[in-house]
């Protein structure tokens, strides 16, 4: 299955705070907050939701098409992705802006404070997805990930016009989008990805019930953190698959992207919802055990073995 992945490409600056972030907030003083965290370490890693998902798919034997806007500083990053098997021919390089930056501080409990600078991502709305797909020989599925909001809307419309099935994955952008724009991104999606918080946000902003949402999408996947994930289809019982335990969690950043890569790889292999969710959970666990979003190693054979260990031969 040929998958086009649209969304952000960024450089991640990941820091670890040894204390508790939540303890730094003083009740009654939240209207004026000025915090500075003395962190233990700094990891500078390649990231961004689209690139993270494309990386995972490529490691699992696919050749995903990355569609995103980046800066001239992307050259080395792009070469590394291409070496792993990602098709970067759909990447737009800005002449004026740097590649987006993600700055994130994480404490031992997994609490995070982050900032995101869009940079070249603001030019993503100028990408003609239809032209990119024609030049690349088409796609069987397009994932519309968190990106410049105008780009997300344009890519979604292009998929509808071309008849290309699409997966709606608005994730972090749900907080900034209004109900009308969310409905446009989700309605008619072949797949919809959210976590629990995003699920509630989507329902609240669209005014749809969970049943109404299911009637508008093919399959709805909700990631549940350490509890695993839920896969739902209208008129069918929900499928819940537990997460794979990680002995030494290192960094939660990008774990959801790794889940999506695993899920989509299993979808492309023709597996059913249980195996898709299991594959997503295995790849997510591998990502959780490493610092950085594109530092884990994974092969299809390794995934099969880890699924057998975690879930049994059935």
Protein backbone atom coordinates (compact mmCIF):
# COMPACT_ATOMS: atom_id res chain seq x y z
CA UNK A 1 0.00 0.00 0.00
CA UNK A 2 1.36 3.39 -1.04
CA UNK A 3 0.75 6.01 1.68
CA UNK A 4 1.23 9.77 1.39
CA UNK A 5 1.93 11.40 4.75
CA UNK A 6 1.19 15.11 5.07
CA UNK A 7 1.89 17.23 8.14
CA UNK A 8 4.67 18.86 10.09
CA UNK A 9 8.41 18.29 9.82
CA UNK A 10 10.37 19.76 12.70
CA UNK A 11 13.57 19.68 14.71
CA UNK A 12 12.88 18.58 18.28
CA UNK A 13 14.75 20.06 21.24
CA UNK A 14 13.96 17.61 24.05
CA UNK A 15 14.85 18.42 27.65
CA UNK A 16 14.41 16.47 30.91
CA UNK A 17 13.43 18.18 34.17
CA UNK A 18 14.28 15.97 37.20
CA UNK A 19 11.52 17.37 39.42
CA UNK A 20 7.76 17.54 39.00
CA UNK A 21 6.43 20.13 36.55
CA UNK A 22 3.02 20.18 38.21
CA UNK A 23 4.60 21.06 41.59
CA UNK A 24 5.92 24.30 40.11
CA UNK A 25 2.43 25.75 39.66
CA UNK A 26 1.19 27.62 42.72
CA UNK A 27 -2.54 27.62 43.35
CA UNK A 28 -3.94 31.15 43.29
CA UNK A 29 -0.99 32.49 41.27
CA UNK A 30 -1.73 31.01 37.88
CA UNK A 31 -2.80 34.34 36.38
CA UNK A 32 0.89 35.41 36.40
CA UNK A 33 3.25 32.55 35.60
CA UNK A 34 7.00 32.93 35.17
CA UNK A 35 8.78 29.60 35.33
CA UNK A 36 12.31 28.54 34.48
CA UNK A 37 13.36 24.88 34.56
CA UNK A 38 16.96 23.80 35.13
CA UNK A 39 17.05 20.68 32.98
CA UNK A 40 19.37 17.70 33.20
CA UNK A 41 20.01 17.19 29.51
CA UNK A 42 19.22 18.33 25.98
CA UNK A 43 18.63 16.08 22.98
CA UNK A 44 18.31 17.68 19.54
CA UNK A 45 16.44 15.28 17.29
CA UNK A 46 14.67 15.22 13.95
CA UNK A 47 10.89 15.14 14.37
CA UNK A 48 7.50 16.43 13.23
CA UNK A 49 4.41 14.22 13.00
CA UNK A 50 4.57 13.56 9.26
CA UNK A 51 8.27 12.73 9.27
CA UNK A 52 7.88 10.55 12.38
CA UNK A 53 5.11 8.48 10.81
CA UNK A 54 6.95 8.25 7.49
CA UNK A 55 10.09 7.07 9.31
CA UNK A 56 8.18 4.27 11.07
CA UNK A 57 6.50 3.14 7.87
CA UNK A 58 9.81 3.08 6.02
CA UNK A 59 11.43 1.02 8.78
CA UNK A 60 8.59 -1.46 8.35
CA UNK A 61 9.31 -1.95 4.65
CA UNK A 62 7.03 0.66 3.07
CA UNK A 63 8.04 3.61 0.88
CA UNK A 64 5.84 6.44 2.17
CA UNK A 65 5.60 9.74 0.32
CA UNK A 66 6.35 12.66 2.63
CA UNK A 67 4.41 15.85 1.78
CA UNK A 68 5.47 18.84 3.87
CA UNK A 69 7.07 22.29 3.88
CA UNK A 70 10.60 22.65 5.28
CA UNK A 71 13.52 25.08 5.32
CA UNK A 72 16.87 24.86 3.56
CA UNK A 73 18.26 23.41 6.81
CA UNK A 74 16.31 20.21 6.02
CA UNK A 75 19.00 18.93 3.61
CA UNK A 76 20.76 16.57 6.01
CA UNK A 77 17.49 15.49 7.63
CA UNK A 78 15.99 14.74 4.23
CA UNK A 79 18.98 12.69 3.17
CA UNK A 80 18.69 10.57 6.30
CA UNK A 81 14.97 9.94 5.73
CA UNK A 82 15.62 9.06 2.10
CA UNK A 83 18.32 6.61 3.17
CA UNK A 84 15.71 4.84 5.32
CA UNK A 85 13.32 4.58 2.36
CA UNK A 86 11.12 7.67 2.65
CA UNK A 87 10.20 9.35 -0.65
CA UNK A 88 10.96 13.05 -0.07
CA UNK A 89 10.06 14.20 -3.59
CA UNK A 90 6.87 15.81 -2.25
CA UNK A 91 8.70 18.11 0.18
CA UNK A 92 8.55 21.88 -0.46
CA UNK A 93 11.70 23.79 0.56
CA UNK A 94 11.18 27.38 1.72
CA UNK A 95 13.57 30.06 0.52
CA UNK A 96 12.96 32.26 3.57
CA UNK A 97 12.07 30.24 6.68
CA UNK A 98 13.71 27.59 8.82
CA UNK A 99 12.22 24.17 9.35
CA UNK A 100 9.75 24.17 12.24
CA UNK A 101 11.06 23.80 15.80
CA UNK A 102 9.55 21.84 18.69
CA UNK A 103 10.88 22.59 22.20
CA UNK A 104 9.70 20.24 24.94
CA UNK A 105 10.52 19.74 28.64
CA UNK A 106 9.45 16.42 30.21
CA UNK A 107 9.48 15.35 33.86
CA UNK A 108 9.80 11.76 35.24
CA UNK A 109 5.99 11.43 35.38
CA UNK A 110 5.66 12.17 31.66
CA UNK A 111 4.26 15.68 32.17
CA UNK A 112 5.36 18.03 29.43
CA UNK A 113 5.56 21.73 28.62
CA UNK A 114 6.22 22.45 24.96
CA UNK A 115 6.40 25.24 22.40
CA UNK A 116 6.16 24.95 18.62
CA UNK A 117 7.53 27.40 16.04
CA UNK A 118 5.86 26.81 12.68
CA UNK A 119 8.55 28.36 10.45
CA UNK A 120 8.42 26.91 6.93
CA UNK A 121 5.28 24.96 7.81
CA UNK A 122 3.32 28.17 7.16
CA UNK A 123 4.02 27.62 3.45
CA UNK A 124 2.46 24.15 3.38
CA UNK A 125 -0.85 25.57 2.13
CA UNK A 126 0.91 26.31 -1.16
CA UNK A 127 1.54 22.61 -1.80
CA UNK A 128 -0.69 21.13 -4.52
CA UNK A 129 -1.27 17.61 -3.21
CA UNK A 130 -2.96 16.53 -6.44
CA UNK A 131 0.11 17.53 -8.46
CA UNK A 132 2.45 15.85 -5.97
CA UNK A 133 0.49 12.59 -6.16
CA UNK A 134 0.44 12.65 -9.95
CA UNK A 135 4.19 13.16 -10.07
CA UNK A 136 4.75 10.35 -7.56
CA UNK A 137 2.48 7.85 -9.28
CA UNK A 138 -0.49 8.18 -6.93
CA UNK A 139 -1.30 6.87 -3.47
CA UNK A 140 -3.69 4.34 -1.96
CA UNK A 141 -4.19 6.41 1.20
CA UNK A 142 -3.23 9.87 2.39
CA UNK A 143 -2.83 10.70 6.05
CA UNK A 144 -3.66 14.36 6.77
CA UNK A 145 -1.61 15.11 9.87
CA UNK A 146 -1.19 18.23 12.02
CA UNK A 147 0.03 21.01 9.75
CA UNK A 148 -0.74 24.57 8.76
CA UNK A 149 -4.58 24.60 9.08
CA UNK A 150 -5.08 25.92 5.53
CA UNK A 151 -2.85 23.13 4.23
CA UNK A 152 -4.83 20.49 6.12
CA UNK A 153 -8.07 21.77 4.59
CA UNK A 154 -6.57 21.96 1.09
CA UNK A 155 -5.11 18.45 1.27
CA UNK A 156 -8.43 17.04 2.53
CA UNK A 157 -10.33 18.67 -0.33
CA UNK A 158 -7.77 17.32 -2.80
CA UNK A 159 -8.30 13.78 -1.51
CA UNK A 160 -12.06 14.10 -1.91
CA UNK A 161 -11.71 15.48 -5.44
CA UNK A 162 -9.25 12.75 -6.45
CA UNK A 163 -11.18 9.96 -4.74
CA UNK A 164 -8.13 9.07 -2.61
CA UNK A 165 -9.09 7.58 0.79
CA UNK A 166 -7.71 9.71 3.61
CA UNK A 167 -6.98 9.34 7.30
CA UNK A 168 -7.81 12.41 9.40
CA UNK A 169 -5.22 12.97 12.13
CA UNK A 170 -5.68 16.60 13.29
CA UNK A 171 -4.15 15.88 16.73
CA UNK A 172 -2.51 19.02 18.18
CA UNK A 173 -4.36 21.34 15.82
CA UNK A 174 -7.75 20.45 17.31
CA UNK A 175 -7.12 23.01 20.05
CA UNK A 176 -6.88 25.86 17.52
CA UNK A 177 -9.50 24.79 14.97
CA UNK A 178 -13.18 25.68 15.26
CA UNK A 179 -16.03 23.24 14.79
CA UNK A 180 -16.63 23.98 11.12
CA UNK A 181 -13.00 23.37 10.17
CA UNK A 182 -12.83 20.16 12.21
CA UNK A 183 -15.99 18.85 10.57
CA UNK A 184 -14.48 19.56 7.15
CA UNK A 185 -11.32 17.63 8.03
CA UNK A 186 -13.09 14.62 9.51
CA UNK A 187 -16.26 14.09 7.46
CA UNK A 188 -15.81 11.17 5.06
CA UNK A 189 -12.42 10.09 6.41
CA UNK A 190 -11.49 6.47 5.85
CA UNK A 191 -9.75 6.54 9.26
CA UNK A 192 -9.78 9.00 12.16
CA UNK A 193 -6.97 9.09 14.75
CA UNK A 194 -7.28 10.81 18.16
CA UNK A 195 -6.18 10.31 21.73
CA UNK A 196 -8.69 10.46 24.61
CA UNK A 197 -8.33 14.21 25.14
CA UNK A 198 -8.55 14.95 21.43
CA UNK A 199 -11.60 12.73 21.16
CA UNK A 200 -13.43 14.80 23.77
CA UNK A 201 -12.25 18.02 22.14
CA UNK A 202 -13.47 16.88 18.72
CA UNK A 203 -16.90 15.92 20.03
CA UNK A 204 -17.25 19.16 21.97
CA UNK A 205 -16.26 21.42 19.08
CA UNK A 206 -18.16 19.63 16.30
CA UNK A 207 -21.31 19.07 18.35
CA UNK A 208 -21.40 15.50 17.05
CA UNK A 209 -22.02 12.53 19.29
CA UNK A 210 -19.64 9.57 19.16
CA UNK A 211 -22.26 7.67 17.16
CA UNK A 212 -22.64 10.52 14.66
CA UNK A 213 -18.88 10.71 14.25
CA UNK A 214 -18.66 6.97 13.60
CA UNK A 215 -21.34 7.29 10.95
CA UNK A 216 -19.17 9.87 9.16
CA UNK A 217 -15.85 7.97 9.20
CA UNK A 218 -14.80 4.47 8.31
CA UNK A 219 -12.73 3.56 11.37
CA UNK A 220 -12.01 5.60 14.52
CA UNK A 221 -8.82 4.80 16.45
CA UNK A 222 -8.45 6.28 19.92
CA UNK A 223 -5.10 5.84 21.65
CA UNK A 224 -5.44 5.42 25.41
CA UNK A 225 -1.87 5.88 26.64
CA UNK A 226 -0.73 3.10 28.95
CA UNK A 227 -4.15 1.45 28.58
CA UNK A 228 -3.63 0.75 24.88
CA UNK A 229 -6.05 1.72 22.12
CA UNK A 230 -9.62 1.38 20.95
CA UNK A 231 -10.74 0.71 17.35
CA UNK A 232 -14.37 1.47 16.47
CA UNK A 233 -16.61 1.14 13.42
CA UNK A 234 -20.28 2.08 13.14
CA UNK A 235 -22.58 -0.81 14.02
CA UNK A 236 -19.74 -3.03 15.30
CA UNK A 237 -18.45 -3.75 18.81
CA UNK A 238 -15.43 -1.67 19.78
CA UNK A 239 -12.10 -3.49 19.82
CA UNK A 240 -9.77 -2.65 22.72
CA UNK A 241 -6.14 -3.77 22.64
CA UNK A 242 -3.84 -3.27 25.65
CA UNK A 243 -0.53 -1.48 25.37
CA UNK A 244 2.80 -3.29 25.34
CA UNK A 245 4.66 -2.78 28.61
CA UNK A 246 7.99 -0.96 28.44
CA UNK A 247 10.49 -1.79 31.18
CA UNK A 248 12.30 1.55 31.04
CA UNK A 249 10.26 4.32 29.38
CA UNK A 250 12.64 7.00 28.10
CA UNK A 251 10.65 9.61 26.18
CA UNK A 252 6.92 9.81 25.33
CA UNK A 253 7.44 12.28 22.48
CA UNK A 254 6.37 10.78 19.16
CA UNK A 255 4.94 7.58 20.63
CA UNK A 256 1.55 8.30 19.04
CA UNK A 257 3.24 8.79 15.68
CA UNK A 258 4.98 5.43 16.04
CA UNK A 259 1.60 3.84 16.83
CA UNK A 260 0.18 5.27 13.62
CA UNK A 261 3.10 3.96 11.60
CA UNK A 262 2.58 0.47 12.96
CA UNK A 263 -1.16 0.61 12.48
CA UNK A 264 -0.86 1.79 8.87
CA UNK A 265 1.78 -0.82 8.08
CA UNK A 266 -0.55 -3.56 9.31
CA UNK A 267 -3.44 -2.00 7.39
CA UNK A 268 -1.32 -2.10 4.23
CA UNK A 269 -0.55 -5.76 4.88
CA UNK A 270 -4.28 -6.53 4.94
CA UNK A 271 -4.58 -7.29 8.64
CA UNK A 272 -7.75 -6.80 10.67
CA UNK A 273 -8.31 -4.22 13.43
CA UNK A 274 -6.86 -6.30 16.28
CA UNK A 275 -3.58 -6.98 14.50
CA UNK A 276 -3.37 -3.34 13.35
CA UNK A 277 -3.75 -2.09 16.92
CA UNK A 278 -1.29 -4.68 18.22
CA UNK A 279 1.28 -3.64 15.63
CA UNK A 280 0.74 0.00 16.55
CA UNK A 281 1.24 -0.79 20.24
CA UNK A 282 4.45 -2.73 19.59
CA UNK A 283 6.01 0.05 17.52
CA UNK A 284 4.86 2.63 20.08
CA UNK A 285 6.58 0.66 22.88
CA UNK A 286 9.83 0.58 20.88
CA UNK A 287 9.64 4.35 20.41
CA UNK A 288 8.87 4.93 24.11
CA UNK A 289 12.05 3.11 25.09
CA UNK A 290 14.25 5.57 23.17
CA UNK A 291 14.91 9.30 23.45
CA UNK A 292 13.86 10.99 20.23
CA UNK A 293 11.11 10.19 17.77
CA UNK A 294 13.17 8.54 15.02
CA UNK A 295 15.81 6.64 16.96
CA UNK A 296 14.11 3.25 17.41
CA UNK A 297 14.88 0.27 15.17
CA UNK A 298 12.15 -2.04 13.96
CA UNK A 299 11.64 -4.68 11.27
CA UNK A 300 8.52 -6.61 10.21
CA UNK A 301 9.96 -9.85 11.61
CA UNK A 302 10.71 -8.16 14.92
CA UNK A 303 7.15 -6.84 15.12
CA UNK A 304 5.71 -10.33 14.56
CA UNK A 305 7.87 -11.75 17.35
CA UNK A 306 7.01 -8.95 19.77
CA UNK A 307 3.30 -9.37 19.04
CA UNK A 308 3.59 -13.08 19.78
CA UNK A 309 5.34 -12.35 23.08
CA UNK A 310 2.92 -9.63 24.16
CA UNK A 311 -0.39 -11.03 22.95
CA UNK A 312 0.17 -14.74 22.37
CA UNK A 313 0.26 -16.84 19.19
CA UNK A 314 -3.41 -16.15 18.40
